[in-house]
Amino acid sequence: MTTAEQPTPRKKTGRRPGGADTRRTVLEAARAEFAARGYEKAGMRAIARAAGVDAALLHHYFGSKDRLFMAALEFPVEPKAVVELVLAGDRATVGVRLAEFLLGLWEQPGVLDRMLALLRAAATTEQVAQLMREFVQEELVRRAAAELGLDQPELRTELMLSQVIGLAMARYVIGVEPLASASREELLPLLAPTFQGYLGGA
């Protein structure tokens, strides 16, 4: 058979292969799906269909829906890590562990910027606020409350979160002094007892 007689290769069809462009497409589809259906109702399969990929690729990239959500919204901290920190070790020192973790986390490059961007978006856009509420309630509050073994565990967890959000707004957004310029060493002994009271039961 001559070159002119050779058949034209068929174009491959099927799901989109993996790669940087595919990851961006998946994240765009995830943002749209979460915005349209909320965190709880959004499904990995629906996101995969919208992105034109196999659902297995989403699990390969992200592992689970909560990790996909964090990547899509650039969430600065994994709630599971916070829950594990709260529950690990002596309950009498949970306040110190949590305060050290948060103060250290906010000093990591890029984390504070992402956190503040989400807080500002949630404060001005109800859609973002609703997504944040659902995500935090499902992945942090309920998980921690189920293991705390204290009275009113969900309320205690939400009070702790209100303390964290209020601190972030006052220290980093509004810039209230002397809080804004206080060092970690100054803040730690003041924050730790408050967190301990909420989550340690003491």
C-alpha atoms as a PDB file:
ATOM      1  CA  MET A   1       0.000   0.000   0.000  1.00  0.00           C
ATOM      2  CA  THR A   2       1.434   3.414  -0.949  1.00  0.00           C
ATOM      3  CA  THR A   3       1.579   6.375   1.344  1.00  0.00           C
ATOM      4  CA  ALA A   4      -1.365   7.968  -0.437  1.00  0.00           C
ATOM      5  CA  GLU A   5      -3.430   4.799   0.074  1.00  0.00           C
ATOM      6  CA  GLN A   6      -2.755   4.522   3.835  1.00  0.00           C
ATOM      7  CA  PRO A   7      -5.890   5.154   5.913  1.00  0.00           C
ATOM      8  CA  THR A   8      -6.076   8.324   7.997  1.00  0.00           C
ATOM      9  CA  PRO A   9      -5.565   7.517  11.686  1.00  0.00           C
ATOM     10  CA  ARG A  10      -8.761   7.838  13.656  1.00  0.00           C
ATOM     11  CA  LYS A  11      -8.921  10.576  16.237  1.00  0.00           C
ATOM     12  CA  LYS A  12      -9.077   9.138  19.725  1.00  0.00           C
ATOM     13  CA  THR A  13     -12.255   9.826  21.646  1.00  0.00           C
ATOM     14  CA  GLY A  14     -13.265   9.404  25.252  1.00  0.00           C
ATOM     15  CA  ARG A  15     -12.551  11.088  28.542  1.00  0.00           C
ATOM     16  CA  ARG A  16     -10.036  13.897  28.826  1.00  0.00           C
ATOM     17  CA  PRO A  17      -6.563  12.669  29.899  1.00  0.00           C
ATOM     18  CA  GLY A  18      -4.841  14.007  32.980  1.00  0.00           C
ATOM     19  CA  GLY A  19      -2.613  17.087  32.995  1.00  0.00           C
ATOM     20  CA  ALA A  20      -2.364  20.685  34.147  1.00  0.00           C
ATOM     21  CA  ASP A  21      -5.122  21.857  31.787  1.00  0.00           C
ATOM     22  CA  THR A  22      -7.365  19.032  32.947  1.00  0.00           C
ATOM     23  CA  ARG A  23      -6.804  19.943  36.580  1.00  0.00           C
ATOM     24  CA  ARG A  24      -7.818  23.547  35.888  1.00  0.00           C
ATOM     25  CA  THR A  25     -10.910  22.319  34.052  1.00  0.00           C
ATOM     26  CA  VAL A  26     -11.843  20.091  36.991  1.00  0.00           C
ATOM     27  CA  LEU A  27     -11.420  22.934  39.480  1.00  0.00           C
ATOM     28  CA  GLU A  28     -13.581  25.229  37.348  1.00  0.00           C
ATOM     29  CA  ALA A  29     -16.253  22.542  37.107  1.00  0.00           C
ATOM     30  CA  ALA A  30     -16.036  21.946  40.858  1.00  0.00           C
ATOM     31  CA  ARG A  31     -16.466  25.637  41.657  1.00  0.00           C
ATOM     32  CA  ALA A  32     -19.512  25.780  39.405  1.00  0.00           C
ATOM     33  CA  GLU A  33     -21.032  22.605  40.881  1.00  0.00           C
ATOM     34  CA  PHE A  34     -20.446  23.676  44.480  1.00  0.00           C
ATOM     35  CA  ALA A  35     -21.915  27.106  43.730  1.00  0.00           C
ATOM     36  CA  ALA A  36     -24.981  25.627  42.046  1.00  0.00           C
ATOM     37  CA  ARG A  37     -25.747  22.778  44.449  1.00  0.00           C
ATOM     38  CA  GLY A  38     -23.966  23.594  47.690  1.00  0.00           C
ATOM     39  CA  TYR A  39     -21.279  21.540  49.404  1.00  0.00           C
ATOM     40  CA  GLU A  40     -23.447  18.708  50.712  1.00  0.00           C
ATOM     41  CA  LYS A  41     -25.380  18.072  47.473  1.00  0.00           C
ATOM     42  CA  ALA A  42     -22.509  18.486  45.023  1.00  0.00           C
ATOM     43  CA  GLY A  43     -21.268  15.134  43.743  1.00  0.00           C
ATOM     44  CA  MET A  44     -17.918  13.950  42.459  1.00  0.00           C
ATOM     45  CA  ARG A  45     -19.530  12.179  39.496  1.00  0.00           C
ATOM     46  CA  ALA A  46     -21.426  15.303  38.443  1.00  0.00           C
ATOM     47  CA  ILE A  47     -18.230  17.353  38.645  1.00  0.00           C
ATOM     48  CA  ALA A  48     -16.398  14.729  36.577  1.00  0.00           C
ATOM     49  CA  ARG A  49     -19.118  14.796  33.899  1.00  0.00           C
ATOM     50  CA  ALA A  50     -19.005  18.601  33.722  1.00  0.00           C
ATOM     51  CA  ALA A  51     -15.223  18.503  33.351  1.00  0.00           C
ATOM     52  CA  GLY A  52     -15.323  15.700  30.770  1.00  0.00           C
ATOM     53  CA  VAL A  53     -13.191  13.322  32.830  1.00  0.00           C
ATOM     54  CA  ASP A  54     -13.653   9.984  34.500  1.00  0.00           C
ATOM     55  CA  ALA A  55     -14.615  10.147  38.180  1.00  0.00           C
ATOM     56  CA  ALA A  56     -11.568   8.004  38.977  1.00  0.00           C
ATOM     57  CA  LEU A  57      -9.347  10.876  37.822  1.00  0.00           C
ATOM     58  CA  LEU A  58     -10.880  13.159  40.459  1.00  0.00           C
ATOM     59  CA  HIS A  59     -10.082  10.628  43.142  1.00  0.00           C
ATOM     60  CA  HIS A  60      -6.551  10.311  41.738  1.00  0.00           C
ATOM     61  CA  TYR A  61      -5.987  14.069  41.880  1.00  0.00           C
ATOM     62  CA  PHE A  62      -7.871  14.959  45.057  1.00  0.00           C
ATOM     63  CA  GLY A  63      -8.863  11.778  46.900  1.00  0.00           C
ATOM     64  CA  SER A  64     -12.180  12.994  48.292  1.00  0.00           C
ATOM     65  CA  LYS A  65     -14.835  15.681  47.932  1.00  0.00           C
ATOM     66  CA  ASP A  66     -13.573  17.740  50.856  1.00  0.00           C
ATOM     67  CA  ARG A  67     -10.065  17.893  49.368  1.00  0.00           C
ATOM     68  CA  LEU A  68     -11.499  18.866  45.981  1.00  0.00           C
ATOM     69  CA  PHE A  69     -13.494  21.629  47.666  1.00  0.00           C
ATOM     70  CA  MET A  70     -10.392  22.924  49.436  1.00  0.00           C
ATOM     71  CA  ALA A  71      -8.479  22.985  46.154  1.00  0.00           C
ATOM     72  CA  ALA A  72     -11.328  24.673  44.272  1.00  0.00           C
ATOM     73  CA  LEU A  73     -11.768  27.433  46.863  1.00  0.00           C
ATOM     74  CA  GLU A  74      -8.103  27.496  47.888  1.00  0.00           C
ATOM     75  CA  PHE A  75      -9.113  26.698  51.468  1.00  0.00           C
ATOM     76  CA  PRO A  76      -6.027  27.381  53.612  1.00  0.00           C
ATOM     77  CA  VAL A  77      -6.299  24.562  56.168  1.00  0.00           C
ATOM     78  CA  GLU A  78      -7.586  21.006  56.141  1.00  0.00           C
ATOM     79  CA  PRO A  79     -10.408  20.632  58.714  1.00  0.00           C
ATOM     80  CA  LYS A  80      -9.474  17.001  59.348  1.00  0.00           C
ATOM     81  CA  ALA A  81      -6.042  18.146  60.520  1.00  0.00           C
ATOM     82  CA  VAL A  82      -7.671  20.521  63.018  1.00  0.00           C
ATOM     83  CA  VAL A  83      -9.992  17.788  64.296  1.00  0.00           C
ATOM     84  CA  GLU A  84      -7.082  15.365  64.713  1.00  0.00           C
ATOM     85  CA  LEU A  85      -5.125  18.043  66.567  1.00  0.00           C
ATOM     86  CA  VAL A  86      -8.036  18.682  68.926  1.00  0.00           C
ATOM     87  CA  LEU A  87      -8.566  14.999  69.670  1.00  0.00           C
ATOM     88  CA  ALA A  88      -4.945  13.830  69.822  1.00  0.00           C
ATOM     89  CA  GLY A  89      -3.002  13.874  73.056  1.00  0.00           C
ATOM     90  CA  ASP A  90      -4.024  15.068  76.490  1.00  0.00           C
ATOM     91  CA  ARG A  91      -7.394  16.837  76.499  1.00  0.00           C
ATOM     92  CA  ALA A  92      -6.071  19.119  79.242  1.00  0.00           C
ATOM     93  CA  THR A  93      -3.666  20.743  76.753  1.00  0.00           C
ATOM     94  CA  VAL A  94      -5.960  21.023  73.733  1.00  0.00           C
ATOM     95  CA  GLY A  95      -6.132  24.813  74.088  1.00  0.00           C
ATOM     96  CA  VAL A  96      -2.367  25.228  73.884  1.00  0.00           C
ATOM     97  CA  ARG A  97      -2.055  22.841  70.925  1.00  0.00           C
ATOM     98  CA  LEU A  98      -4.787  24.587  68.978  1.00  0.00           C
ATOM     99  CA  ALA A  99      -3.520  28.110  69.688  1.00  0.00           C
ATOM    100  CA  GLU A 100       0.030  27.163  68.682  1.00  0.00           C
ATOM    101  CA  PHE A 101      -1.251  25.519  65.503  1.00  0.00           C
ATOM    102  CA  LEU A 102      -3.340  28.508  64.395  1.00  0.00           C
ATOM    103  CA  LEU A 103      -0.771  31.170  65.187  1.00  0.00           C
ATOM    104  CA  GLY A 104       1.895  29.172  63.375  1.00  0.00           C
ATOM    105  CA  LEU A 105      -0.374  28.416  60.428  1.00  0.00           C
ATOM    106  CA  TRP A 106      -1.120  32.065  59.753  1.00  0.00           C
ATOM    107  CA  GLU A 107       2.583  32.822  59.462  1.00  0.00           C
ATOM    108  CA  GLN A 108       3.095  30.320  56.648  1.00  0.00           C
ATOM    109  CA  PRO A 109       3.567  31.944  53.212  1.00  0.00           C
ATOM    110  CA  GLY A 110       0.307  32.271  51.304  1.00  0.00           C
ATOM    111  CA  VAL A 111      -1.936  30.790  54.015  1.00  0.00           C
ATOM    112  CA  LEU A 112      -2.960  34.093  55.566  1.00  0.00           C
ATOM    113  CA  ASP A 113      -3.686  35.662  52.168  1.00  0.00           C
ATOM    114  CA  ARG A 114      -5.956  32.766  51.177  1.00  0.00           C
ATOM    115  CA  MET A 115      -7.728  32.817  54.523  1.00  0.00           C
ATOM    116  CA  LEU A 116      -8.373  36.549  54.365  1.00  0.00           C
ATOM    117  CA  ALA A 117      -9.592  36.307  50.774  1.00  0.00           C
ATOM    118  CA  LEU A 118     -12.132  33.669  51.813  1.00  0.00           C
ATOM    119  CA  LEU A 119     -13.257  35.677  54.837  1.00  0.00           C
ATOM    120  CA  ARG A 120     -13.771  38.793  52.718  1.00  0.00           C
ATOM    121  CA  ALA A 121     -15.639  36.821  50.075  1.00  0.00           C
ATOM    122  CA  ALA A 122     -17.866  35.172  52.687  1.00  0.00           C
ATOM    123  CA  ALA A 123     -18.580  38.546  54.298  1.00  0.00           C
ATOM    124  CA  THR A 124     -19.723  40.114  51.023  1.00  0.00           C
ATOM    125  CA  THR A 125     -21.155  37.209  48.998  1.00  0.00           C
ATOM    126  CA  GLU A 126     -23.946  35.060  50.419  1.00  0.00           C
ATOM    127  CA  GLN A 127     -23.198  32.224  47.996  1.00  0.00           C
ATOM    128  CA  VAL A 128     -19.637  31.926  49.299  1.00  0.00           C
ATOM    129  CA  ALA A 129     -20.841  32.289  52.883  1.00  0.00           C
ATOM    130  CA  GLN A 130     -23.309  29.437  52.441  1.00  0.00           C
ATOM    131  CA  LEU A 131     -20.663  27.178  50.935  1.00  0.00           C
ATOM    132  CA  MET A 132     -18.304  27.945  53.788  1.00  0.00           C
ATOM    133  CA  ARG A 133     -20.998  27.262  56.384  1.00  0.00           C
ATOM    134  CA  GLU A 134     -21.890  23.893  54.864  1.00  0.00           C
ATOM    135  CA  PHE A 135     -18.268  22.837  54.458  1.00  0.00           C
ATOM    136  CA  VAL A 136     -17.165  23.848  57.955  1.00  0.00           C
ATOM    137  CA  GLN A 137     -20.293  22.362  59.538  1.00  0.00           C
ATOM    138  CA  GLU A 138     -19.901  19.037  57.728  1.00  0.00           C
ATOM    139  CA  GLU A 139     -16.139  18.581  57.834  1.00  0.00           C
ATOM    140  CA  LEU A 140     -15.130  20.259  61.085  1.00  0.00           C
ATOM    141  CA  VAL A 141     -17.987  20.944  63.499  1.00  0.00           C
ATOM    142  CA  ARG A 142     -19.772  17.598  63.223  1.00  0.00           C
ATOM    143  CA  ARG A 143     -16.557  15.576  63.174  1.00  0.00           C
ATOM    144  CA  ALA A 144     -15.163  17.304  66.253  1.00  0.00           C
ATOM    145  CA  ALA A 145     -18.504  17.333  68.089  1.00  0.00           C
ATOM    146  CA  ALA A 146     -18.920  13.587  67.619  1.00  0.00           C
ATOM    147  CA  GLU A 147     -15.666  12.929  69.500  1.00  0.00           C
ATOM    148  CA  LEU A 148     -15.502  15.659  72.136  1.00  0.00           C
ATOM    149  CA  GLY A 149     -17.609  13.872  74.736  1.00  0.00           C
ATOM    150  CA  LEU A 150     -18.730  17.180  76.273  1.00  0.00           C
ATOM    151  CA  ASP A 151     -22.085  18.836  76.722  1.00  0.00           C
ATOM    152  CA  GLN A 152     -23.190  20.992  73.763  1.00  0.00           C
ATOM    153  CA  PRO A 153     -20.239  19.894  71.584  1.00  0.00           C
ATOM    154  CA  GLU A 154     -21.412  21.598  68.374  1.00  0.00           C
ATOM    155  CA  LEU A 155     -22.005  24.889  70.179  1.00  0.00           C
ATOM    156  CA  ARG A 156     -18.579  24.659  71.799  1.00  0.00           C
ATOM    157  CA  THR A 157     -16.915  24.009  68.431  1.00  0.00           C
ATOM    158  CA  GLU A 158     -18.744  26.910  66.790  1.00  0.00           C
ATOM    159  CA  LEU A 159     -17.802  29.242  69.643  1.00  0.00           C
ATOM    160  CA  MET A 160     -14.171  28.269  69.097  1.00  0.00           C
ATOM    161  CA  LEU A 161     -14.552  29.056  65.390  1.00  0.00           C
ATOM    162  CA  SER A 162     -16.111  32.428  66.175  1.00  0.00           C
ATOM    163  CA  GLN A 163     -13.075  33.207  68.318  1.00  0.00           C
ATOM    164  CA  VAL A 164     -10.722  32.253  65.478  1.00  0.00           C
ATOM    165  CA  ILE A 165     -12.615  34.258  62.842  1.00  0.00           C
ATOM    166  CA  GLY A 166     -12.933  37.277  65.123  1.00  0.00           C
ATOM    167  CA  LEU A 167      -9.220  37.158  65.896  1.00  0.00           C
ATOM    168  CA  ALA A 168      -8.345  36.979  62.194  1.00  0.00           C
ATOM    169  CA  MET A 169     -10.596  39.917  61.331  1.00  0.00           C
ATOM    170  CA  ALA A 170      -9.395  42.123  64.195  1.00  0.00           C
ATOM    171  CA  ARG A 171      -5.699  41.269  63.868  1.00  0.00           C
ATOM    172  CA  TYR A 172      -5.235  41.032  60.111  1.00  0.00           C
ATOM    173  CA  VAL A 173      -8.140  42.829  58.405  1.00  0.00           C
ATOM    174  CA  ILE A 174      -9.035  45.743  60.691  1.00  0.00           C
ATOM    175  CA  GLY A 175      -5.575  45.920  62.265  1.00  0.00           C
ATOM    176  CA  VAL A 176      -6.673  46.741  65.813  1.00  0.00           C
ATOM    177  CA  GLU A 177      -3.727  47.672  68.019  1.00  0.00           C
ATOM    178  CA  PRO A 178      -2.017  46.369  70.070  1.00  0.00           C
ATOM    179  CA  LEU A 179      -3.501  43.087  68.840  1.00  0.00           C
ATOM    180  CA  ALA A 180      -2.269  43.556  65.265  1.00  0.00           C
ATOM    181  CA  SER A 181       1.374  43.860  66.288  1.00  0.00           C
ATOM    182  CA  ALA A 182       1.329  41.427  69.241  1.00  0.00           C
ATOM    183  CA  SER A 183       3.740  38.512  68.953  1.00  0.00           C
ATOM    184  CA  ARG A 184       2.841  34.827  69.057  1.00  0.00           C
ATOM    185  CA  GLU A 185       4.462  34.610  72.463  1.00  0.00           C
ATOM    186  CA  GLU A 186       2.152  37.342  73.786  1.00  0.00           C
ATOM    187  CA  LEU A 187      -1.004  35.879  72.283  1.00  0.00           C
ATOM    188  CA  LEU A 188      -0.486  32.203  73.085  1.00  0.00           C
ATOM    189  CA  PRO A 189      -1.056  32.325  76.883  1.00  0.00           C
ATOM    190  CA  LEU A 190      -4.144  34.500  76.371  1.00  0.00           C
ATOM    191  CA  LEU A 191      -5.756  32.421  73.628  1.00  0.00           C
ATOM    192  CA  ALA A 192      -4.990  28.960  74.972  1.00  0.00           C
ATOM    193  CA  PRO A 193      -7.256  29.166  78.072  1.00  0.00           C
ATOM    194  CA  THR A 194     -10.155  30.381  75.923  1.00  0.00           C
ATOM    195  CA  PHE A 195      -9.816  27.453  73.506  1.00  0.00           C
ATOM    196  CA  GLN A 196      -9.356  25.137  76.476  1.00  0.00           C
ATOM    197  CA  GLY A 197     -12.622  26.323  77.975  1.00  0.00           C
ATOM    198  CA  TYR A 198     -14.495  25.655  74.755  1.00  0.00           C
ATOM    199  CA  LEU A 199     -13.024  22.286  73.793  1.00  0.00           C
ATOM    200  CA  GLY A 200     -11.279  20.876  76.842  1.00  0.00           C
ATOM    201  CA  GLY A 201     -14.080  21.096  79.313  1.00  0.00           C
ATOM    202  CA  ALA A 202     -11.876  22.769  81.871  1.00  0.00           C
END
